[in-house]
Protein backbone atom coordinates (compact mmCIF):
# COMPACT_ATOMS: atom_id res chain seq x y z
CA MET A 1 124.79 79.94 115.97
CA THR A 2 123.56 81.48 119.30
CA THR A 3 120.13 80.96 120.60
CA VAL A 4 119.56 84.80 120.48
CA LEU A 5 120.30 84.82 116.82
CA LEU A 6 118.21 81.77 116.18
CA THR A 7 115.32 83.36 117.95
CA ASP A 8 115.74 86.55 115.88
CA ILE A 9 115.75 84.74 112.62
CA THR A 10 112.65 82.71 113.70
CA ILE A 11 110.79 85.96 114.52
CA PHE A 12 111.96 87.42 111.19
CA VAL A 13 110.64 84.45 109.20
CA LEU A 14 107.32 84.33 111.12
CA ALA A 15 106.84 88.04 110.56
CA LEU A 16 107.50 87.59 106.89
CA LEU A 17 104.92 84.77 106.61
CA VAL A 18 102.29 86.69 108.63
CA GLY A 19 102.85 89.87 106.63
CA PHE A 20 102.56 87.95 103.30
CA GLU A 21 99.33 86.26 104.58
CA VAL A 22 97.80 89.59 105.57
CA ILE A 23 98.69 91.48 102.44
CA SER A 24 97.46 88.77 100.22
CA LYS A 25 93.98 88.95 101.63
CA VAL A 26 93.65 92.64 100.88
CA PRO A 27 91.45 93.28 97.77
CA ALA A 28 93.11 95.12 94.94
CA THR A 29 90.69 98.11 95.19
CA LEU A 30 91.87 98.68 98.77
CA HIS A 31 95.68 98.07 98.27
CA THR A 32 96.56 101.50 97.04
CA PRO A 33 94.84 103.52 99.86
CA LEU A 34 96.22 100.99 102.39
CA MET A 35 99.70 101.33 101.03
CA SER A 36 99.56 105.15 101.25
CA ALA A 37 98.25 105.11 104.74
CA ALA A 38 100.89 102.58 105.91
CA ASN A 39 103.91 104.85 105.16
CA SER A 40 104.36 105.71 108.90
CA ILE A 41 104.41 102.01 109.82
CA HIS A 42 107.10 101.41 107.15
CA GLY A 43 109.06 104.31 108.72
CA ILE A 44 108.84 102.57 112.08
CA VAL A 45 110.11 99.40 110.50
CA LEU A 46 113.01 101.17 108.99
CA ALA A 47 113.93 102.73 112.34
CA GLY A 48 113.78 99.31 114.00
CA ALA A 49 116.11 97.87 111.24
CA MET A 50 118.58 100.64 112.06
CA LEU A 51 118.34 99.78 115.67
CA ILE A 52 119.03 96.06 114.98
CA ALA A 53 122.13 97.15 112.84
CA VAL A 54 123.48 98.94 115.90
CA THR A 55 123.36 95.78 118.03
CA ALA A 56 124.77 93.46 115.41
CA HIS A 57 128.15 91.94 116.33
CA ASP A 58 128.99 89.49 113.46
CA ALA A 59 128.70 89.33 109.60
CA LEU A 60 125.36 87.53 109.61
CA GLY A 61 123.82 90.16 111.92
CA TYR A 62 125.07 92.95 109.67
CA ILE A 63 123.76 91.13 106.55
CA LEU A 64 120.29 90.68 108.11
CA ALA A 65 120.19 94.19 109.33
CA PHE A 66 121.15 95.47 105.91
CA ALA A 67 118.44 93.34 104.27
CA ALA A 68 115.84 94.54 106.82
CA ALA A 69 116.80 98.12 106.23
CA ALA A 70 116.82 97.89 102.44
CA PHE A 71 113.27 96.23 102.32
CA ALA A 72 111.92 98.83 104.76
CA ALA A 73 113.46 101.67 102.67
CA MET A 74 111.87 100.17 99.50
CA ASN A 75 108.56 100.03 101.29
CA VAL A 76 108.79 103.71 102.40
CA VAL A 77 109.87 104.91 98.98
CA GLY A 78 107.28 102.75 97.20
CA GLY A 79 104.53 103.93 99.44
CA TYR A 80 105.26 107.59 98.72
CA VAL A 81 105.47 106.86 94.90
CA VAL A 82 102.19 105.16 94.93
CA THR A 83 100.62 108.01 97.05
CA GLY A 84 101.96 110.61 94.63
CA ARG A 85 100.45 108.79 91.61
CA MET A 86 97.24 108.31 93.36
CA LEU A 87 97.04 111.99 94.19
CA LYS A 88 98.06 113.00 90.67
CA MET A 89 94.88 111.30 89.32
CA PHE A 90 92.71 113.60 91.20
CA ARG A 91 94.47 116.86 90.25
CA ARG A 92 92.58 119.31 88.01
CA SER A 93 94.21 120.35 84.77
CA ARG A 94 95.43 124.00 84.68
CA THR A 95 94.01 124.78 81.36
CA PRO A 96 90.18 124.33 81.03
CA VAL A 97 89.03 121.93 78.51
CA PRO A 98 86.87 123.71 75.95
CA ALA A 99 83.17 122.44 75.85
CA PRO A 100 82.28 120.77 72.59
CA PRO A 101 79.95 122.78 70.38
CA THR A 102 76.29 122.01 70.80
CA PRO A 103 74.96 120.10 67.79
CA ALA A 104 72.19 121.43 65.78
CA ALA A 105 68.81 119.81 65.62
CA VAL A 106 69.22 116.20 64.60
CA SER A 107 66.91 114.36 62.26
CA GLY A 108 65.75 110.75 62.66
CA ASN A 109 68.81 109.31 60.79
CA GLY A 110 71.35 110.85 63.22
CA GLN A 111 72.39 113.72 60.80
CA ALA A 112 71.54 117.36 60.94
CA PRO A 113 68.75 118.22 58.54
CA ALA A 114 69.70 119.87 55.27
CA ARG A 115 69.08 123.64 55.02
CA THR A 116 66.76 124.71 52.19
CA THR A 117 66.50 128.27 51.23
CA THR A 118 63.15 129.03 49.86
CA ALA A 119 62.00 132.50 48.97
CA GLN A 120 59.25 133.73 51.12
CA PRO A 121 56.39 135.58 49.36
CA GLY A 122 56.80 139.28 50.03
CA GLY A 123 60.17 138.97 51.65
CA PRO A 124 63.66 139.47 50.46
CA SER A 125 64.88 136.86 48.07
């Protein structure tokens, strides 16, 4: 192993550890907005992985570049899927939901009072 490859592997492992530590500290309520806002950063990571693939000269370099590109691509696609689902939650439905009928006067026991028909004096029966 060359010192350059050993340095690159060390930086890669340290970046994995720092990334895991940072993401594990994010509360669950903020993870989805953070993921959707970070799609551009994942795109930059994907571009960096492709640049590393260009400079690889041996099998281990190609394998590491492929793994970096695959993980970066999964992050980009996953970010857009999460963003799409999150935005779908806020869309209004195309057909308006009919309003429920307003209830009649409610008596003390929670049921509508019974109608009684009594003949009024002097009125129609």
